[in-house]
Protein backbone atom coordinates (compact mmCIF):
# COMPACT_ATOMS: atom_id res chain seq x y z
CA MET A 1 -23.93 -8.89 -1.92
CA ASP A 2 -24.08 -5.18 0.48
CA LYS A 3 -20.28 -4.72 1.44
CA VAL A 4 -20.77 -1.64 3.07
CA CYS A 5 -20.31 -0.97 6.82
CA SER A 6 -21.73 1.11 9.03
CA SER A 7 -18.48 3.13 9.52
CA ALA A 8 -14.85 2.80 8.94
CA GLY A 9 -13.79 1.47 12.22
CA GLU A 10 -16.36 -1.27 11.86
CA ALA A 11 -14.61 -2.17 8.82
CA VAL A 12 -11.35 -2.38 10.15
CA ALA A 13 -12.42 -3.69 14.03
CA ASP A 14 -10.58 -7.39 12.79
CA ILE A 15 -7.08 -5.80 11.53
CA PRO A 16 -4.95 -7.60 14.71
CA ASP A 17 -1.21 -6.72 16.07
CA GLY A 18 1.07 -8.12 13.17
CA ALA A 19 -1.31 -7.93 10.29
CA SER A 20 0.29 -7.55 6.76
CA LEU A 21 -1.38 -4.38 4.74
CA ALA A 22 -1.28 -3.22 0.95
CA VAL A 23 -2.23 0.12 1.27
CA GLY A 24 -3.10 2.26 -1.95
CA GLY A 25 -1.49 5.84 -2.54
CA PHE A 26 0.97 7.51 -3.66
CA GLY A 27 2.55 10.50 -1.33
CA LEU A 28 -0.62 11.79 -0.08
CA SER A 29 -2.78 11.37 -3.33
CA GLY A 30 -5.36 8.91 -3.31
CA ILE A 31 -4.72 7.51 0.56
CA PRO A 32 -7.29 5.78 2.31
CA GLY A 33 -6.89 8.59 5.38
CA THR A 34 -10.55 7.61 6.86
CA LEU A 35 -9.56 3.72 7.11
CA ILE A 36 -5.65 5.04 8.52
CA GLN A 37 -7.09 6.93 11.12
CA ALA A 38 -9.70 4.49 12.06
CA LEU A 39 -6.98 1.77 12.38
CA HIS A 40 -4.71 4.02 14.45
CA GLU A 41 -7.82 4.72 16.82
CA ARG A 42 -8.21 0.65 16.82
CA GLY A 43 -4.72 0.51 18.22
CA ALA A 44 -3.12 -2.15 16.00
CA THR A 45 0.60 -2.42 16.27
CA GLY A 46 3.47 -4.48 14.83
CA LEU A 47 1.80 -4.01 11.45
CA GLU A 48 3.67 -5.50 7.88
CA VAL A 49 2.97 -2.52 5.35
CA VAL A 50 3.35 -2.81 1.59
CA SER A 51 2.70 0.66 -0.02
CA ASN A 52 4.84 2.80 -2.39
CA ASN A 53 5.36 4.91 0.64
CA CYS A 54 4.88 5.53 4.08
CA GLY A 55 2.82 9.32 4.37
CA VAL A 56 4.95 12.15 5.76
CA ASP A 57 4.86 13.14 8.94
CA GLY A 58 1.44 13.53 10.45
CA LEU A 59 -0.08 12.03 7.45
CA GLY A 60 -1.36 9.22 6.17
CA LEU A 61 0.60 5.93 7.16
CA GLY A 62 2.72 8.45 9.29
CA VAL A 63 0.13 8.52 11.89
CA LEU A 64 0.93 5.19 12.22
CA LEU A 65 4.56 5.52 12.19
CA ALA A 66 5.13 7.98 14.62
CA ASP A 67 3.23 5.91 17.25
CA GLY A 68 5.12 2.82 16.75
CA ARG A 69 2.60 0.60 15.11
CA ILE A 70 4.51 -0.35 12.22
CA ALA A 71 6.96 -3.17 12.66
CA ARG A 72 8.03 -3.47 8.84
CA VAL A 73 7.50 -1.38 5.32
CA THR A 74 7.92 -2.51 1.77
CA GLY A 75 8.04 -0.14 -0.72
CA SER A 76 9.78 2.21 -3.23
CA TYR A 77 10.30 6.13 -2.05
CA VAL A 78 10.97 6.68 1.46
CA GLY A 79 11.38 10.89 1.04
CA GLU A 80 9.23 13.17 3.01
CA ASN A 81 8.73 11.77 5.87
CA LYS A 82 11.79 12.58 8.58
CA GLU A 83 10.54 9.97 11.53
CA PHE A 84 10.64 6.95 8.82
CA ALA A 85 14.54 8.06 8.29
CA ARG A 86 14.80 7.78 12.19
CA GLN A 87 13.26 4.67 13.11
CA TYR A 88 15.05 2.80 10.03
CA LEU A 89 18.49 4.20 10.28
CA SER A 90 18.22 3.71 14.55
CA GLY A 91 16.89 -0.21 13.80
CA GLU A 92 13.38 0.20 15.40
CA LEU A 93 12.15 -0.30 11.50
CA GLU A 94 12.51 -3.34 8.87
CA VAL A 95 12.41 -1.22 5.01
CA GLU A 96 12.80 -3.55 2.08
CA LEU A 97 13.01 -0.98 -1.10
CA VAL A 98 11.72 -2.58 -4.11
CA PRO A 99 12.23 -0.72 -7.58
CA GLN A 100 8.57 1.02 -8.04
CA GLY A 101 7.58 -0.77 -11.15
CA THR A 102 8.94 -4.00 -9.32
CA LEU A 103 6.53 -3.25 -6.65
CA ALA A 104 4.07 -2.39 -8.41
CA GLU A 105 3.86 -6.00 -10.16
CA ARG A 106 4.75 -7.85 -7.14
CA LEU A 107 1.28 -6.56 -6.17
CA ARG A 108 -0.61 -6.93 -9.36
CA ALA A 109 0.59 -10.52 -9.39
CA GLY A 110 -0.29 -11.55 -5.55
CA GLY A 111 -4.10 -10.52 -6.51
CA ALA A 112 -3.63 -12.23 -9.90
CA GLY A 113 -2.82 -15.52 -8.50
CA ILE A 114 1.19 -15.55 -10.15
CA PRO A 115 3.70 -16.94 -7.46
CA ALA A 116 6.55 -14.88 -9.35
CA PHE A 117 8.02 -13.31 -12.04
CA TYR A 118 11.39 -12.30 -13.82
CA THR A 119 12.19 -8.89 -14.31
CA PRO A 120 15.23 -6.83 -15.84
CA ALA A 121 14.89 -3.91 -12.94
CA GLY A 122 17.47 -4.77 -10.51
CA VAL A 123 20.11 -6.88 -12.28
CA GLY A 124 23.86 -5.71 -11.80
CA THR A 125 22.38 -3.79 -8.54
CA GLN A 126 21.80 -5.26 -4.77
CA VAL A 127 18.62 -5.40 -6.22
CA ALA A 128 19.40 -8.54 -7.26
CA ARG A 129 22.61 -9.43 -5.65
CA GLY A 130 21.66 -8.84 -2.33
CA GLY A 131 23.05 -6.68 0.71
CA LEU A 132 20.37 -3.70 0.81
CA PRO A 133 19.72 -3.18 5.03
CA LEU A 134 16.42 -4.26 5.99
CA ARG A 135 17.57 -3.81 9.01
CA HIS A 136 20.21 -1.49 11.06
CA ALA A 137 21.38 -1.86 14.62
CA ALA A 138 21.09 1.08 17.17
CA ASP A 139 24.83 1.85 16.39
CA GLY A 140 24.04 2.37 12.73
CA SER A 141 25.74 -1.38 11.30
CA VAL A 142 23.30 -3.59 9.85
CA ALA A 143 21.51 -6.21 11.33
CA LEU A 144 19.89 -7.71 8.74
CA ALA A 145 20.59 -7.76 4.50
CA SER A 146 18.44 -8.71 1.90
CA PRO A 147 19.43 -12.20 0.52
CA PRO A 148 20.38 -12.54 -2.83
CA LYS A 149 17.76 -13.21 -5.71
CA GLU A 150 17.61 -15.97 -8.17
CA THR A 151 18.49 -14.23 -11.74
CA ARG A 152 18.16 -16.45 -15.10
CA GLU A 153 18.33 -15.44 -18.73
CA PHE A 154 16.02 -15.11 -21.60
CA GLY A 155 16.95 -14.18 -24.98
CA GLY A 156 20.42 -13.70 -23.79
CA ARG A 157 19.68 -11.17 -21.46
CA THR A 158 19.42 -11.33 -17.43
CA TYR A 159 16.14 -11.23 -15.82
CA VAL A 160 15.83 -11.31 -11.43
CA LEU A 161 12.84 -13.19 -10.05
CA GLU A 162 10.82 -11.60 -7.85
CA HIS A 163 8.27 -12.66 -5.98
CA GLY A 164 4.31 -11.77 -6.21
CA ILE A 165 2.51 -9.97 -2.71
CA VAL A 166 -0.07 -11.15 -1.11
CA THR A 167 -1.15 -9.30 2.37
CA ASP A 168 -3.95 -9.89 5.17
CA PHE A 169 -5.85 -6.68 4.26
CA ALA A 170 -5.97 -4.06 1.66
CA LEU A 171 -7.10 -0.07 2.54
CA VAL A 172 -7.58 1.58 -0.42
CA ARG A 173 -9.65 5.13 -1.54
CA ALA A 174 -11.70 5.50 -4.78
CA TRP A 175 -14.23 7.96 -6.10
CA ARG A 176 -16.78 6.00 -7.11
CA GLY A 177 -18.06 2.59 -5.38
CA ASP A 178 -21.10 0.59 -5.72
CA ARG A 179 -22.55 -2.01 -2.85
CA HIS A 180 -21.09 -4.91 -4.42
CA GLY A 181 -17.63 -3.33 -4.24
CA ASN A 182 -17.08 -2.40 -7.69
CA LEU A 183 -14.55 0.52 -7.96
CA VAL A 184 -13.79 3.63 -10.20
CA PHE A 185 -10.88 5.91 -9.24
CA ARG A 186 -10.32 9.20 -10.67
CA ARG A 187 -6.80 10.66 -11.87
CA ALA A 188 -3.54 10.56 -10.29
CA ALA A 189 -5.45 8.64 -7.03
CA ALA A 190 -5.45 5.73 -8.81
CA ASN A 191 -1.99 5.28 -8.74
CA PHE A 192 -1.11 2.04 -6.51
CA ASN A 193 -5.02 1.52 -5.61
CA PRO A 194 -6.25 -0.87 -8.03
CA LEU A 195 -3.43 -2.64 -7.49
CA ALA A 196 -3.08 -2.64 -3.12
CA ALA A 197 -7.00 -3.60 -4.04
CA MET A 198 -5.70 -6.70 -5.60
CA ALA A 199 -3.44 -8.11 -3.06
CA GLY A 200 -5.19 -7.88 -0.03
CA ARG A 201 -7.20 -11.23 0.80
CA VAL A 202 -9.21 -9.09 2.66
CA THR A 203 -10.04 -5.55 0.92
CA VAL A 204 -11.08 -2.58 2.50
CA ALA A 205 -12.62 0.47 0.38
CA GLU A 206 -13.08 3.83 1.26
CA VAL A 207 -15.50 5.44 -1.18
CA GLU A 208 -15.84 9.10 -2.00
CA GLU A 209 -19.32 8.78 -3.74
CA LEU A 210 -21.25 5.54 -3.02
CA VAL A 211 -23.63 4.63 -5.71
CA GLU A 212 -26.21 1.81 -6.19
CA PRO A 213 -25.82 -1.76 -8.40
CA GLY A 214 -25.94 -0.73 -11.92
CA GLU A 215 -25.21 2.68 -11.53
CA LEU A 216 -21.48 2.45 -13.19
CA SER A 217 -20.66 1.37 -16.22
CA PRO A 218 -18.83 -2.16 -16.35
CA ASP A 219 -16.99 -0.33 -18.85
CA ALA A 220 -15.78 2.41 -16.23
CA VAL A 221 -15.03 0.00 -13.42
CA HIS A 222 -11.37 -0.20 -12.43
CA VAL A 223 -11.64 -3.10 -9.27
CA PRO A 224 -14.47 -5.55 -9.75
CA GLY A 225 -15.85 -6.27 -6.65
CA VAL A 226 -15.01 -9.55 -6.76
CA PHE A 227 -11.57 -7.98 -4.92
CA VAL A 228 -12.93 -6.03 -2.07
CA GLN A 229 -15.33 -7.48 0.68
CA ARG A 230 -16.26 -3.71 2.21
CA VAL A 231 -17.09 -0.35 2.05
CA VAL A 232 -17.02 2.32 3.69
CA GLU A 233 -18.92 5.62 2.68
CA LEU A 234 -17.04 9.05 3.64
CA THR A 235 -18.37 12.10 4.59
CA ALA A 236 -18.51 15.11 2.83
CA THR A 237 -16.51 16.62 4.99
CA GLN A 238 -13.35 13.07 4.35
CA ALA A 239 -14.19 13.05 0.87
CA ALA A 240 -12.91 16.34 0.88
CA ASP A 241 -9.66 16.39 3.08
CA LYS A 242 -7.32 15.74 0.08
CA ARG A 243 -3.38 16.99 1.06
CA ILE A 244 -0.48 17.70 -0.94
CA GLU A 245 3.22 17.66 0.01
CA LYS A 246 3.97 20.27 -2.02
CA ARG A 247 2.74 23.06 -3.75
CA THR A 248 4.60 23.38 -6.87
CA VAL A 249 2.77 26.39 -8.67
CA ARG A 250 1.19 29.39 -7.07
CA ALA A 251 -1.98 31.97 -7.92
């Protein structure tokens, strides 16, 4: 089955208002920037996003956030984005904070058909006890707090129950992909992309290099095409557009 779409706009055209999205990337590494921009141009709003972070001001998911298109974020890192902090603290944005490893496993579990699992991460904290602010009121008070989670002992150790995540759509970026949707990620850009790809009921992948079926070694494939419904081939300019948040070295 040829899953290649003619454009990013075509690939996201049916994402409706209020849709839930799993989005790959870590910081700005491996973000599906072309698909995010196409979704922004489409005008969808009230989106519920599951992503490690929400981009930065003016880039990545930060573009959607700045225009008030995102209603809820499930993530583990909210730094580098002043608008995110402003919307969260003013009550404009609902936020579920999740330990990073737990978030990764919740996405993987959802994609694997596992409804829930137990983990020691968060035991003894508000992650398990509840009370984390999900949404603030305009005056800064907590309007909605996280509920307590079920805990259980195994082998004398306490674990907390976490639920797998399945979203309506997933947006990811891959280094190479074929027309059947098999994907290969490169180095750090792998991050949350394979997990997000698994979690979406409809997964859209933008690929830097599109190859014909059979050109990818089965041993090299990180996400098989069964998880991917649409593929968008990036132009050379789009593929080369890779931003970083902060330079840590100098020439």
